[in-house]
PDB file of all heavy atoms in Angstrom:
ATOM      1  N   ARG A   1     -86.274-107.076 217.385  1.00  0.00           N
ATOM      2  CA  ARG A   1     -85.648-105.982 216.624  1.00  0.00           C
ATOM      3  C   ARG A   1     -86.593-105.443 215.562  1.00  0.00           C
ATOM      4  O   ARG A   1     -86.693-104.224 215.343  1.00  0.00           O
ATOM      5  CB  ARG A   1     -84.356-106.471 215.994  1.00  0.00           C
ATOM      6  CG  ARG A   1     -83.626-105.392 215.196  1.00  0.00           C
ATOM      7  CD  ARG A   1     -83.847-105.541 213.689  1.00  0.00           C
ATOM      8  NE  ARG A   1     -83.109-106.657 213.164  1.00  0.00           N
ATOM      9  CZ  ARG A   1     -83.596-107.538 212.294  1.00  0.00           C
ATOM     10  NH1 ARG A   1     -84.874-107.462 211.907  1.00  0.00           N
ATOM     11  NH2 ARG A   1     -82.846-108.515 211.831  1.00  0.00           N
ATOM     12  N   ALA A   2     -87.354-106.323 214.922  1.00  0.00           N
ATOM     13  CA  ALA A   2     -88.303-105.882 213.905  1.00  0.00           C
ATOM     14  C   ALA A   2     -89.398-105.006 214.506  1.00  0.00           C
ATOM     15  O   ALA A   2     -89.857-104.048 213.882  1.00  0.00           O
ATOM     16  CB  ALA A   2     -88.918-107.093 213.205  1.00  0.00           C
ATOM     17  N   LEU A   3     -89.833-105.303 215.709  1.00  0.00           N
ATOM     18  CA  LEU A   3     -90.869-104.503 216.354  1.00  0.00           C
ATOM     19  C   LEU A   3     -90.381-103.082 216.627  1.00  0.00           C
ATOM     20  O   LEU A   3     -91.082-102.103 216.344  1.00  0.00           O
ATOM     21  CB  LEU A   3     -91.312-105.163 217.667  1.00  0.00           C
ATOM     22  CG  LEU A   3     -92.304-104.366 218.516  1.00  0.00           C
ATOM     23  CD1 LEU A   3     -93.632-104.194 217.792  1.00  0.00           C
ATOM     24  CD2 LEU A   3     -92.523-105.021 219.863  1.00  0.00           C
ATOM     25  N   PHE A   4     -89.175-102.951 217.183  1.00  0.00           N
ATOM     26  CA  PHE A   4     -88.680-101.628 217.581  1.00  0.00           C
ATOM     27  C   PHE A   4     -87.867-100.930 216.487  1.00  0.00           C
ATOM     28  O   PHE A   4     -87.634 -99.723 216.570  1.00  0.00           O
ATOM     29  CB  PHE A   4     -87.835-101.747 218.851  1.00  0.00           C
ATOM     30  CG  PHE A   4     -88.655-101.945 220.094  1.00  0.00           C
ATOM     31  CD1 PHE A   4     -88.832-103.208 220.639  1.00  0.00           C
ATOM     32  CD2 PHE A   4     -89.267-100.871 220.712  1.00  0.00           C
ATOM     33  CE1 PHE A   4     -89.588-103.389 221.793  1.00  0.00           C
ATOM     34  CE2 PHE A   4     -90.025-101.040 221.858  1.00  0.00           C
ATOM     35  CZ  PHE A   4     -90.190-102.303 222.397  1.00  0.00           C
ATOM     36  N   GLY A   5     -87.407-101.675 215.497  1.00  0.00           N
ATOM     37  CA  GLY A   5     -86.685-101.061 214.381  1.00  0.00           C
ATOM     38  C   GLY A   5     -85.185-101.208 214.423  1.00  0.00           C
ATOM     39  O   GLY A   5     -84.530-101.111 213.388  1.00  0.00           O
ATOM     40  N   SER A   6     -84.611-101.438 215.602  1.00  0.00           N
ATOM     41  CA  SER A   6     -83.161-101.602 215.716  1.00  0.00           C
ATOM     42  C   SER A   6     -82.834-102.213 217.062  1.00  0.00           C
ATOM     43  O   SER A   6     -83.671-102.255 217.967  1.00  0.00           O
ATOM     44  CB  SER A   6     -82.444-100.257 215.560  1.00  0.00           C
ATOM     45  OG  SER A   6     -82.808 -99.381 216.615  1.00  0.00           O
ATOM     46  N   LEU A   7     -81.612-102.692 217.193  1.00  0.00           N
ATOM     47  CA  LEU A   7     -81.135-103.216 218.465  1.00  0.00           C
ATOM     48  C   LEU A   7     -80.541-102.081 219.287  1.00  0.00           C
ATOM     49  O   LEU A   7     -79.799-101.256 218.759  1.00  0.00           O
ATOM     50  CB  LEU A   7     -80.081-104.309 218.238  1.00  0.00           C
ATOM     51  CG  LEU A   7     -80.580-105.564 217.506  1.00  0.00           C
ATOM     52  CD1 LEU A   7     -79.421-106.504 217.201  1.00  0.00           C
ATOM     53  CD2 LEU A   7     -81.642-106.285 218.335  1.00  0.00           C
ATOM     54  N   PRO A   8     -80.826-102.038 220.592  1.00  0.00           N
ATOM     55  CA  PRO A   8     -80.401-100.887 221.391  1.00  0.00           C
ATOM     56  C   PRO A   8     -79.042-101.057 222.069  1.00  0.00           C
ATOM     57  O   PRO A   8     -78.660-100.218 222.886  1.00  0.00           O
ATOM     58  CB  PRO A   8     -81.508-100.801 222.446  1.00  0.00           C
ATOM     59  CG  PRO A   8     -81.888-102.226 222.684  1.00  0.00           C
ATOM     60  CD  PRO A   8     -81.739-102.915 221.339  1.00  0.00           C
ATOM     61  N   TYR A   9     -78.321-102.127 221.762  1.00  0.00           N
ATOM     62  CA  TYR A   9     -77.072-102.425 222.451  1.00  0.00           C
ATOM     63  C   TYR A   9     -75.990-102.759 221.436  1.00  0.00           C
ATOM     64  O   TYR A   9     -76.281-103.075 220.277  1.00  0.00           O
ATOM     65  CB  TYR A   9     -77.272-103.591 223.432  1.00  0.00           C
ATOM     66  CG  TYR A   9     -78.089-104.733 222.853  1.00  0.00           C
ATOM     67  CD1 TYR A   9     -77.554-105.621 221.912  1.00  0.00           C
ATOM     68  CD2 TYR A   9     -79.419-104.929 223.222  1.00  0.00           C
ATOM     69  CE1 TYR A   9     -78.311-106.649 221.371  1.00  0.00           C
ATOM     70  CE2 TYR A   9     -80.176-105.961 222.685  1.00  0.00           C
ATOM     71  CZ  TYR A   9     -79.614-106.827 221.771  1.00  0.00           C
ATOM     72  OH  TYR A   9     -80.364-107.834 221.229  1.00  0.00           O
ATOM     73  N   HIS A  10     -74.728-102.721 221.877  1.00  0.00           N
ATOM     74  CA  HIS A  10     -73.605-103.043 221.001  1.00  0.00           C
ATOM     75  C   HIS A  10     -73.256-104.522 221.033  1.00  0.00           C
ATOM     76  O   HIS A  10     -72.572-105.039 220.148  1.00  0.00           O
ATOM     77  CB  HIS A  10     -72.376-102.206 221.358  1.00  0.00           C
ATOM     78  CG  HIS A  10     -71.993-102.274 222.814  1.00  0.00           C
ATOM     79  ND1 HIS A  10     -71.336-103.365 223.358  1.00  0.00           N
ATOM     80  CD2 HIS A  10     -72.190-101.404 223.836  1.00  0.00           C
ATOM     81  CE1 HIS A  10     -71.139-103.157 224.650  1.00  0.00           C
ATOM     82  NE2 HIS A  10     -71.651-101.976 224.964  1.00  0.00           N
ATOM     83  N   ASP A  11     -73.699-105.231 222.058  1.00  0.00           N
ATOM     84  CA  ASP A  11     -73.594-106.691 222.131  1.00  0.00           C
ATOM     85  C   ASP A  11     -74.546-107.154 223.224  1.00  0.00           C
ATOM     86  O   ASP A  11     -75.039-106.345 224.020  1.00  0.00           O
ATOM     87  CB  ASP A  11     -72.157-107.157 222.406  1.00  0.00           C
ATOM     88  CG  ASP A  11     -71.618-106.640 223.725  1.00  0.00           C
ATOM     89  OD1 ASP A  11     -72.097-107.088 224.780  1.00  0.00           O
ATOM     90  OD2 ASP A  11     -70.711-105.777 223.714  1.00  0.00           O
ATOM     91  N   TYR A  12     -74.819-108.457 223.260  1.00  0.00           N
ATOM     92  CA  TYR A  12     -75.781-108.964 224.237  1.00  0.00           C
ATOM     93  C   TYR A  12     -75.332-110.334 224.722  1.00  0.00           C
ATOM     94  O   TYR A  12     -74.869-111.174 223.924  1.00  0.00           O
ATOM     95  CB  TYR A  12     -77.178-109.067 223.639  1.00  0.00           C
ATOM     96  CG  TYR A  12     -78.269-109.195 224.680  1.00  0.00           C
ATOM     97  CD1 TYR A  12     -78.891-108.059 225.193  1.00  0.00           C
ATOM     98  CD2 TYR A  12     -78.662-110.438 225.170  1.00  0.00           C
ATOM     99  CE1 TYR A  12     -79.877-108.158 226.170  1.00  0.00           C
ATOM    100  CE2 TYR A  12     -79.649-110.548 226.141  1.00  0.00           C
ATOM    101  CZ  TYR A  12     -80.250-109.408 226.636  1.00  0.00           C
ATOM    102  OH  TYR A  12     -81.219-109.509 227.607  1.00  0.00           O
ATOM    103  N   THR A  13     -75.495-110.547 226.043  1.00  0.00           N
ATOM    104  CA  THR A  13     -75.100-111.808 226.666  1.00  0.00           C
ATOM    105  C   THR A  13     -76.294-112.426 227.385  1.00  0.00           C
ATOM    106  O   THR A  13     -76.896-111.796 228.262  1.00  0.00           O
ATOM    107  CB  THR A  13     -73.960-111.590 227.667  1.00  0.00           C
ATOM    108  OG1 THR A  13     -72.822-111.049 226.981  1.00  0.00           O
ATOM    109  CG2 THR A  13     -73.566-112.905 228.339  1.00  0.00           C
ATOM    110  N   PHE A  14     -76.645-113.656 227.004  1.00  0.00           N
ATOM    111  CA  PHE A  14     -77.622-114.450 227.750  1.00  0.00           C
ATOM    112  C   PHE A  14     -76.844-115.377 228.681  1.00  0.00           C
ATOM    113  O   PHE A  14     -76.059-116.201 228.206  1.00  0.00           O
ATOM    114  CB  PHE A  14     -78.476-115.312 226.818  1.00  0.00           C
ATOM    115  CG  PHE A  14     -79.336-114.549 225.851  1.00  0.00           C
ATOM    116  CD1 PHE A  14     -78.869-114.253 224.573  1.00  0.00           C
ATOM    117  CD2 PHE A  14     -80.617-114.158 226.191  1.00  0.00           C
ATOM    118  CE1 PHE A  14     -79.663-113.576 223.662  1.00  0.00           C
ATOM    119  CE2 PHE A  14     -81.426-113.489 225.282  1.00  0.00           C
ATOM    120  CZ  PHE A  14     -80.949-113.189 224.014  1.00  0.00           C
ATOM    121  N   ILE A  15     -77.019-115.231 229.986  1.00  0.00           N
ATOM    122  CA  ILE A  15     -76.470-116.191 230.940  1.00  0.00           C
ATOM    123  C   ILE A  15     -77.586-117.165 231.277  1.00  0.00           C
ATOM    124  O   ILE A  15     -78.644-116.768 231.771  1.00  0.00           O
ATOM    125  CB  ILE A  15     -75.956-115.486 232.208  1.00  0.00           C
ATOM    126  CG1 ILE A  15     -74.802-114.541 231.858  1.00  0.00           C
ATOM    127  CG2 ILE A  15     -75.502-116.507 233.242  1.00  0.00           C
ATOM    128  CD1 ILE A  15     -74.314-113.697 233.025  1.00  0.00           C
ATOM    129  N   LEU A  16     -77.370-118.428 230.989  1.00  0.00           N
ATOM    130  CA  LEU A  16     -78.406-119.452 231.148  1.00  0.00           C
ATOM    131  C   LEU A  16     -77.951-120.475 232.179  1.00  0.00           C
ATOM    132  O   LEU A  16     -76.949-121.171 231.975  1.00  0.00           O
ATOM    133  CB  LEU A  16     -78.697-120.128 229.809  1.00  0.00           C
ATOM    134  CG  LEU A  16     -79.731-121.252 229.809  1.00  0.00           C
ATOM    135  CD1 LEU A  16     -81.083-120.761 230.313  1.00  0.00           C
ATOM    136  CD2 LEU A  16     -79.869-121.854 228.412  1.00  0.00           C
ATOM    137  N   HIS A  17     -78.680-120.568 233.284  1.00  0.00           N
ATOM    138  CA  HIS A  17     -78.393-121.546 234.325  1.00  0.00           C
ATOM    139  C   HIS A  17     -79.390-122.694 234.225  1.00  0.00           C
ATOM    140  O   HIS A  17     -80.607-122.469 234.274  1.00  0.00           O
ATOM    141  CB  HIS A  17     -78.502-120.901 235.713  1.00  0.00           C
ATOM    142  CG  HIS A  17     -77.407-119.931 236.009  1.00  0.00           C
ATOM    143  ND1 HIS A  17     -77.464-119.025 237.061  1.00  0.00           N
ATOM    144  CD2 HIS A  17     -76.214-119.711 235.400  1.00  0.00           C
ATOM    145  CE1 HIS A  17     -76.353-118.313 237.076  1.00  0.00           C
ATOM    146  NE2 HIS A  17     -75.590-118.697 236.086  1.00  0.00           N
ATOM    147  N   LEU A  18     -78.893-123.902 234.082  1.00  0.00           N
ATOM    148  CA  LEU A  18     -79.724-125.103 234.047  1.00  0.00           C
ATOM    149  C   LEU A  18     -79.665-125.747 235.425  1.00  0.00           C
ATOM    150  O   LEU A  18     -78.595-126.162 235.878  1.00  0.00           O
ATOM    151  CB  LEU A  18     -79.231-126.072 232.971  1.00  0.00           C
ATOM    152  CG  LEU A  18     -79.099-125.483 231.560  1.00  0.00           C
ATOM    153  CD1 LEU A  18     -78.710-126.576 230.567  1.00  0.00           C
ATOM    154  CD2 LEU A  18     -80.373-124.795 231.124  1.00  0.00           C
ATOM    155  N   THR A  19     -80.799-125.803 236.099  1.00  0.00           N
ATOM    156  CA  THR A  19     -80.838-126.201 237.502  1.00  0.00           C
ATOM    157  C   THR A  19     -81.844-127.324 237.712  1.00  0.00           C
ATOM    158  O   THR A  19     -82.468-127.808 236.769  1.00  0.00           O
ATOM    159  CB  THR A  19     -81.218-125.002 238.390  1.00  0.00           C
ATOM    160  OG1 THR A  19     -82.577-124.623 238.117  1.00  0.00           O
ATOM    161  CG2 THR A  19     -80.305-123.809 238.124  1.00  0.00           C
ATOM    162  N   ASP A  20     -82.015-127.695 238.958  1.00  0.00           N
ATOM    163  CA  ASP A  20     -82.950-128.765 239.312  1.00  0.00           C
ATOM    164  C   ASP A  20     -84.239-128.161 239.844  1.00  0.00           C
ATOM    165  O   ASP A  20     -84.458-128.056 241.050  1.00  0.00           O
ATOM    166  CB  ASP A  20     -82.327-129.685 240.357  1.00  0.00           C
ATOM    167  CG  ASP A  20     -81.109-130.407 239.816  1.00  0.00           C
ATOM    168  OD1 ASP A  20     -81.195-130.955 238.709  1.00  0.00           O
ATOM    169  OD2 ASP A  20     -80.067-130.412 240.506  1.00  0.00           O
ATOM    170  N   GLY A  21     -85.087-127.704 238.947  1.00  0.00           N
ATOM    171  CA  GLY A  21     -86.421-127.248 239.318  1.00  0.00           C
ATOM    172  C   GLY A  21     -86.579-125.764 239.523  1.00  0.00           C
ATOM    173  O   GLY A  21     -87.682-125.248 239.512  1.00  0.00           O
ATOM    174  N   ARG A  22     -85.495-125.033 239.747  1.00  0.00           N
ATOM    175  CA  ARG A  22     -85.629-123.601 239.986  1.00  0.00           C
ATOM    176  C   ARG A  22     -85.745-122.851 238.667  1.00  0.00           C
ATOM    177  O   ARG A  22     -85.288-123.310 237.627  1.00  0.00           O
ATOM    178  CB  ARG A  22     -84.419-123.078 240.759  1.00  0.00           C
ATOM    179  CG  ARG A  22     -84.246-123.737 242.114  1.00  0.00           C
ATOM    180  CD  ARG A  22     -83.089-123.109 242.870  1.00  0.00           C
ATOM    181  NE  ARG A  22     -82.238-124.128 243.457  1.00  0.00           N
ATOM    182  CZ  ARG A  22     -81.242-123.873 244.286  1.00  0.00           C
ATOM    183  NH1 ARG A  22     -80.971-122.632 244.608  1.00  0.00           N
ATOM    184  NH2 ARG A  22     -80.520-124.853 244.771  1.00  0.00           N
ATOM    185  N   GLY A  23     -86.355-121.657 238.735  1.00  0.00           N
ATOM    186  CA  GLY A  23     -86.521-120.883 237.520  1.00  0.00           C
ATOM    187  C   GLY A  23     -86.617-119.405 237.807  1.00  0.00           C
ATOM    188  O   GLY A  23     -86.756-118.978 238.951  1.00  0.00           O
ATOM    189  N   GLY A  24     -86.549-118.619 236.740  1.00  0.00           N
ATOM    190  CA  GLY A  24     -86.684-117.174 236.865  1.00  0.00           C
ATOM    191  C   GLY A  24     -85.798-116.462 235.874  1.00  0.00           C
ATOM    192  O   GLY A  24     -84.989-117.073 235.166  1.00  0.00           O
ATOM    193  N   GLY A  25     -85.952-115.161 235.808  1.00  0.00           N
ATOM    194  CA  GLY A  25     -85.137-114.359 234.908  1.00  0.00           C
ATOM    195  C   GLY A  25     -84.965-112.962 235.468  1.00  0.00           C
ATOM    196  O   GLY A  25     -85.803-112.483 236.245  1.00  0.00           O
ATOM    197  N   LEU A  26     -83.894-112.305 235.080  1.00  0.00           N
ATOM    198  CA  LEU A  26     -83.665-110.919 235.486  1.00  0.00           C
ATOM    199  C   LEU A  26     -82.981-110.199 234.350  1.00  0.00           C
ATOM    200  O   LEU A  26     -81.961-110.660 233.820  1.00  0.00           O
ATOM    201  CB  LEU A  26     -82.816-110.829 236.753  1.00  0.00           C
ATOM    202  CG  LEU A  26     -82.704-109.427 237.368  1.00  0.00           C
ATOM    203  CD1 LEU A  26     -84.075-108.925 237.830  1.00  0.00           C
ATOM    204  CD2 LEU A  26     -81.720-109.419 238.524  1.00  0.00           C
ATOM    205  N   GLU A  27     -83.568-109.057 233.974  1.00  0.00           N
ATOM    206  CA  GLU A  27     -83.080-108.286 232.841  1.00  0.00           C
ATOM    207  C   GLU A  27     -81.942-107.351 233.232  1.00  0.00           C
ATOM    208  O   GLU A  27     -81.858-106.893 234.369  1.00  0.00           O
ATOM    209  CB  GLU A  27     -84.226-107.460 232.249  1.00  0.00           C
ATOM    210  CG  GLU A  27     -84.671-106.272 233.099  1.00  0.00           C
ATOM    211  CD  GLU A  27     -85.670-106.608 234.186  1.00  0.00           C
ATOM    212  OE1 GLU A  27     -85.974-107.796 234.372  1.00  0.00           O
ATOM    213  OE2 GLU A  27     -86.139-105.662 234.874  1.00  0.00           O
ATOM    214  N   HIS A  28     -81.093-107.064 232.234  1.00  0.00           N
ATOM    215  CA  HIS A  28     -80.017-106.094 232.383  1.00  0.00           C
ATOM    216  C   HIS A  28     -79.879-105.347 231.066  1.00  0.00           C
ATOM    217  O   HIS A  28     -80.491-105.707 230.062  1.00  0.00           O
ATOM    218  CB  HIS A  28     -78.722-106.782 232.770  1.00  0.00           C
ATOM    219  CG  HIS A  28     -78.830-107.557 234.052  1.00  0.00           C
ATOM    220  ND1 HIS A  28     -78.759-106.967 235.287  1.00  0.00           N
ATOM    221  CD2 HIS A  28     -79.060-108.883 234.279  1.00  0.00           C
ATOM    222  CE1 HIS A  28     -78.920-107.879 236.226  1.00  0.00           C
ATOM    223  NE2 HIS A  28     -79.116-109.050 235.642  1.00  0.00           N
ATOM    224  N   ARG A  29     -79.077-104.277 231.052  1.00  0.00           N
ATOM    225  CA  ARG A  29     -79.089-103.388 229.889  1.00  0.00           C
ATOM    226  C   ARG A  29     -78.586-104.055 228.618  1.00  0.00           C
ATOM    227  O   ARG A  29     -79.081-103.755 227.530  1.00  0.00           O
ATOM    228  CB  ARG A  29     -78.307-102.104 230.179  1.00  0.00           C
ATOM    229  CG  ARG A  29     -76.834-102.285 230.490  1.00  0.00           C
ATOM    230  CD  ARG A  29     -76.182-100.932 230.765  1.00  0.00           C
ATOM    231  NE  ARG A  29     -76.717-100.319 231.975  1.00  0.00           N
ATOM    232  CZ  ARG A  29     -76.416 -99.073 232.361  1.00  0.00           C
ATOM    233  NH1 ARG A  29     -75.608 -98.326 231.637  1.00  0.00           N
ATOM    234  NH2 ARG A  29     -76.927 -98.577 233.481  1.00  0.00           N
TER     235      ARG A  29
END
């Protein structure tokens, strides 16, 4: 937020899956 000056959304959700060895990420608005 400090880099861009403000947050661009009204709320934000991180969905975090804890798995056995798999990894990755995918962005959404």
